[in-house]
Structure formats: C-alpha cells, structure tokens
Amino acid sequence: MKIASMRAYAGIMAIAAANGWNYTPESIESGSRRHFEEMSLQLIAVGYEIVPVGAARPQCVVARN
C-alpha cells in the first residue's frame, strides 16, 4: 500500500514538475504523507483493511476430512 501510494504521488509530482511547478522538500514530504493517509482512508471506505508490514495476518483454516 505504501509503495503504491509513493508511486502514484511520484507520478503526480513528475507531472507538476513537467508543468513548471516547484515544491520544497518539506512540502513534498508532507504531501506524500497526506496522499498515503487519504489513499488509505479511501480504501478503508470501500472495505479494505490496511495492515502494517510484518503484522500478524489472519490465517484461513481449511477443514480436511
């Protein structure tokens, strides 16, 4: 999720730079963080669960007869 957000934000920044927009490193960092938070909220709103890397993941138990 974080990587997908970073790639999407990098694309947004590339388009902005191509159009002559300049941002400070601080505003890029802040925008990246905000983009990740907003993307997470949108995914949660449609039913996804965002889990941190390395977090325990639920296991499906398959009944075997």
C-alpha atoms as a PDB file:
ATOM      1  CA  MET A   1       0.000   0.000   0.000  1.00  0.00           C
ATOM      2  CA  LYS A   2       2.764   2.432   0.946  1.00  0.00           C
ATOM      3  CA  ILE A   3       4.712   1.636  -2.233  1.00  0.00           C
ATOM      4  CA  ALA A   4       1.613   2.074  -4.394  1.00  0.00           C
ATOM      5  CA  SER A   5       0.934   5.429  -2.755  1.00  0.00           C
ATOM      6  CA  MET A   6       4.545   6.543  -3.243  1.00  0.00           C
ATOM      7  CA  ARG A   7       4.467   5.567  -6.927  1.00  0.00           C
ATOM      8  CA  ALA A   8       1.198   7.404  -7.509  1.00  0.00           C
ATOM      9  CA  TYR A   9       2.470  10.508  -5.710  1.00  0.00           C
ATOM     10  CA  ALA A  10       5.742  10.396  -7.671  1.00  0.00           C
ATOM     11  CA  GLY A  11       3.682  10.427 -10.856  1.00  0.00           C
ATOM     12  CA  ILE A  12       1.733  13.441  -9.629  1.00  0.00           C
ATOM     13  CA  MET A  13       4.985  15.229  -8.769  1.00  0.00           C
ATOM     14  CA  ALA A  14       6.509  14.367 -12.174  1.00  0.00           C
ATOM     15  CA  ILE A  15       3.541  15.929 -13.958  1.00  0.00           C
ATOM     16  CA  ALA A  16       3.747  19.007 -11.729  1.00  0.00           C
ATOM     17  CA  ALA A  17       7.488  19.369 -12.430  1.00  0.00           C
ATOM     18  CA  ALA A  18       6.901  18.992 -16.174  1.00  0.00           C
ATOM     19  CA  ASN A  19       4.436  21.872 -15.912  1.00  0.00           C
ATOM     20  CA  GLY A  20       6.989  24.077 -14.142  1.00  0.00           C
ATOM     21  CA  TRP A  21       5.751  23.713 -10.570  1.00  0.00           C
ATOM     22  CA  ASN A  22       8.402  23.689  -7.844  1.00  0.00           C
ATOM     23  CA  TYR A  23       7.944  22.369  -4.329  1.00  0.00           C
ATOM     24  CA  THR A  24      10.166  22.439  -1.256  1.00  0.00           C
ATOM     25  CA  PRO A  25      11.371  19.084   0.074  1.00  0.00           C
ATOM     26  CA  GLU A  26       9.238  19.670   3.177  1.00  0.00           C
ATOM     27  CA  SER A  27       6.066  20.186   1.159  1.00  0.00           C
ATOM     28  CA  ILE A  28       6.815  17.089  -0.939  1.00  0.00           C
ATOM     29  CA  GLU A  29       7.253  15.025   2.227  1.00  0.00           C
ATOM     30  CA  SER A  30       4.083  16.446   3.732  1.00  0.00           C
ATOM     31  CA  GLY A  31       2.160  15.855   0.502  1.00  0.00           C
ATOM     32  CA  SER A  32       3.412  12.280   0.283  1.00  0.00           C
ATOM     33  CA  ARG A  33       2.280  11.577   3.839  1.00  0.00           C
ATOM     34  CA  ARG A  34      -1.107  13.206   3.177  1.00  0.00           C
ATOM     35  CA  HIS A  35      -1.506  11.243  -0.084  1.00  0.00           C
ATOM     36  CA  PHE A  36      -0.862   7.963   1.760  1.00  0.00           C
ATOM     37  CA  GLU A  37      -3.360   8.845   4.502  1.00  0.00           C
ATOM     38  CA  GLU A  38      -6.062   9.844   2.018  1.00  0.00           C
ATOM     39  CA  MET A  39      -5.466   6.768  -0.147  1.00  0.00           C
ATOM     40  CA  SER A  40      -5.692   4.566   2.963  1.00  0.00           C
ATOM     41  CA  LEU A  41      -8.971   6.176   4.008  1.00  0.00           C
ATOM     42  CA  GLN A  42     -10.447   5.693   0.533  1.00  0.00           C
ATOM     43  CA  LEU A  43      -9.521   2.001   0.540  1.00  0.00           C
ATOM     44  CA  ILE A  44     -10.886   1.515   4.060  1.00  0.00           C
ATOM     45  CA  ALA A  45     -14.131   3.208   2.995  1.00  0.00           C
ATOM     46  CA  VAL A  46     -14.677   0.566   0.302  1.00  0.00           C
ATOM     47  CA  GLY A  47     -13.932  -2.319   2.628  1.00  0.00           C
ATOM     48  CA  TYR A  48     -10.191  -2.970   2.577  1.00  0.00           C
ATOM     49  CA  GLU A  49      -8.146  -3.386   5.738  1.00  0.00           C
ATOM     50  CA  ILE A  50      -4.729  -1.723   5.863  1.00  0.00           C
ATOM     51  CA  VAL A  51      -2.249  -3.670   7.986  1.00  0.00           C
ATOM     52  CA  PRO A  52       1.332  -2.660   8.811  1.00  0.00           C
ATOM     53  CA  VAL A  53       4.186  -4.591   7.250  1.00  0.00           C
ATOM     54  CA  GLY A  54       5.129  -7.507   9.472  1.00  0.00           C
ATOM     55  CA  ALA A  55       1.770  -7.530  11.264  1.00  0.00           C
ATOM     56  CA  ALA A  56       0.194 -10.877  12.034  1.00  0.00           C
ATOM     57  CA  ARG A  57      -2.125 -11.842   9.232  1.00  0.00           C
ATOM     58  CA  PRO A  58      -5.277 -13.861   9.797  1.00  0.00           C
ATOM     59  CA  GLN A  59      -4.968 -17.457   8.648  1.00  0.00           C
ATOM     60  CA  CYS A  60      -7.711 -19.336   6.855  1.00  0.00           C
ATOM     61  CA  VAL A  61      -8.328 -22.695   8.435  1.00  0.00           C
ATOM     62  CA  VAL A  62      -9.229 -25.317   5.890  1.00  0.00           C
ATOM     63  CA  ALA A  63     -11.170 -28.258   7.263  1.00  0.00           C
ATOM     64  CA  ARG A  64      -9.803 -31.510   5.898  1.00  0.00           C
ATOM     65  CA  ASN A  65     -11.880 -34.627   6.034  1.00  0.00           C
END
